[in-house]
Amino acid sequence: MELTVIIAYLFGLVLLYILARLLLIPLRLAIRLLINGVIGGFLLWLVNLLGLFVGVYLPINPITALVAGFLGIPGVILLLVLKYVVGV
């Protein structure tokens, strides 16, 4: 093989590696948001289910779903704290 062909193959492999790295970062972010969303939604449901016995209820609306979805466990804790601080 000629040297130019080998250099072209190496250049193509480097470009493929860079492209894969650029596409992998948003995929990791999307997977993290999906996992936080599932955990947050489950915790909202669990708080409302167990809260029936204690008298704690977090309404599930777009705002609480977004907070729980983006932040996960800390988001649900934040919503519980805000509920008692504000007293709504």
Protein backbone atom coordinates (compact mmCIF):
# COMPACT_ATOMS: atom_id res chain seq x y z
CA MET A 1 0.00 0.00 0.00
CA GLU A 2 1.04 3.53 -0.59
CA LEU A 3 1.80 5.91 2.23
CA THR A 4 -1.01 8.29 1.17
CA VAL A 5 -3.60 5.50 1.45
CA ILE A 6 -2.40 4.61 4.95
CA ILE A 7 -2.52 8.28 5.99
CA ALA A 8 -6.04 8.58 4.53
CA TYR A 9 -7.20 5.52 6.52
CA LEU A 10 -5.69 6.91 9.74
CA PHE A 11 -7.27 10.32 9.12
CA GLY A 12 -10.64 8.64 8.54
CA LEU A 13 -10.32 6.65 11.76
CA VAL A 14 -9.45 9.79 13.74
CA LEU A 15 -12.48 11.60 12.26
CA LEU A 16 -14.70 8.64 13.10
CA TYR A 17 -13.41 8.62 16.66
CA ILE A 18 -14.06 12.37 17.07
CA LEU A 19 -17.57 12.03 15.62
CA ALA A 20 -18.37 9.12 17.93
CA ARG A 21 -17.19 11.12 20.97
CA LEU A 22 -19.32 14.12 19.95
CA LEU A 23 -22.41 11.96 19.55
CA LEU A 24 -21.83 10.01 22.76
CA ILE A 25 -21.95 13.04 25.09
CA PRO A 26 -25.58 14.02 24.27
CA LEU A 27 -26.57 10.36 24.48
CA ARG A 28 -25.18 10.13 28.03
CA LEU A 29 -27.10 13.29 28.99
CA ALA A 30 -30.33 11.91 27.52
CA ILE A 31 -29.90 8.61 29.36
CA ARG A 32 -29.21 10.43 32.64
CA LEU A 33 -32.35 12.58 32.20
CA LEU A 34 -34.41 9.49 31.39
CA ILE A 35 -33.19 7.66 34.49
CA ASN A 36 -33.81 10.72 36.70
CA GLY A 37 -37.29 11.08 35.20
CA VAL A 38 -38.20 7.47 35.91
CA ILE A 39 -36.84 7.62 39.45
CA GLY A 40 -38.54 10.96 40.12
CA GLY A 41 -41.90 9.75 38.81
CA PHE A 42 -41.67 6.57 40.84
CA LEU A 43 -40.83 8.53 43.98
CA LEU A 44 -43.76 10.92 43.43
CA TRP A 45 -46.04 7.93 43.13
CA LEU A 46 -44.48 6.29 46.22
CA VAL A 47 -44.77 9.47 48.30
CA ASN A 48 -48.44 9.78 47.37
CA LEU A 49 -49.09 6.11 48.06
CA LEU A 50 -47.36 6.07 51.46
CA GLY A 51 -48.55 9.59 52.21
CA LEU A 52 -52.13 8.35 52.40
CA PHE A 53 -51.31 6.87 55.81
CA VAL A 54 -49.47 9.97 57.08
CA GLY A 55 -51.39 12.73 55.33
CA VAL A 56 -48.67 13.80 52.90
CA TYR A 57 -49.66 14.46 49.31
CA LEU A 58 -47.71 15.95 46.41
CA PRO A 59 -49.91 16.82 43.46
CA ILE A 60 -48.63 15.47 40.17
CA ASN A 61 -48.73 18.36 37.72
CA PRO A 62 -46.30 19.58 35.04
CA ILE A 63 -44.19 21.59 37.52
CA THR A 64 -43.75 18.80 40.07
CA ALA A 65 -43.13 16.29 37.28
CA LEU A 66 -40.40 18.49 35.77
CA VAL A 67 -38.70 19.11 39.13
CA ALA A 68 -38.81 15.42 40.02
CA GLY A 69 -37.78 14.44 36.50
CA PHE A 70 -34.76 16.71 36.23
CA LEU A 71 -33.50 16.37 39.78
CA GLY A 72 -34.62 12.84 40.69
CA ILE A 73 -34.45 12.02 44.41
CA PRO A 74 -33.28 15.50 45.50
CA GLY A 75 -36.15 16.99 43.48
CA VAL A 76 -38.78 15.01 45.37
CA ILE A 77 -37.14 15.95 48.68
CA LEU A 78 -37.13 19.59 47.56
CA LEU A 79 -40.83 19.39 46.74
CA LEU A 80 -41.61 17.92 50.16
CA VAL A 81 -39.59 20.62 51.93
CA LEU A 82 -41.22 23.37 49.87
CA LYS A 83 -44.65 21.98 50.67
CA TYR A 84 -44.02 22.30 54.38
CA VAL A 85 -42.16 25.62 54.22
CA VAL A 86 -44.82 27.30 52.10
CA GLY A 87 -47.62 25.41 53.83
CA VAL A 88 -49.81 24.87 50.79
